[in-house]
């Protein structure tokens, strides 16, 4: 069980910088959904949504090739 937990946390960490099209992007999105499911309040869930939106903007910028 511990080995599985370590493997999952390792994949989550490895997928942190994944962008759409990367092999680990699905893992990244699954991790985000799990974070939302475990959020303790509407406020913390809202903060997560804002953080994820910022992440999507960074990903879109990276895919477009902008450096701004």
Foldseek 3Di string as FASTA:
>chain_A
DVVVVVVLVVLCVVCPPPAPPDPSVVSVVVVLVVCLVPDPDPVSNVVSVVVVVVVNVVRVCVVVPHPD
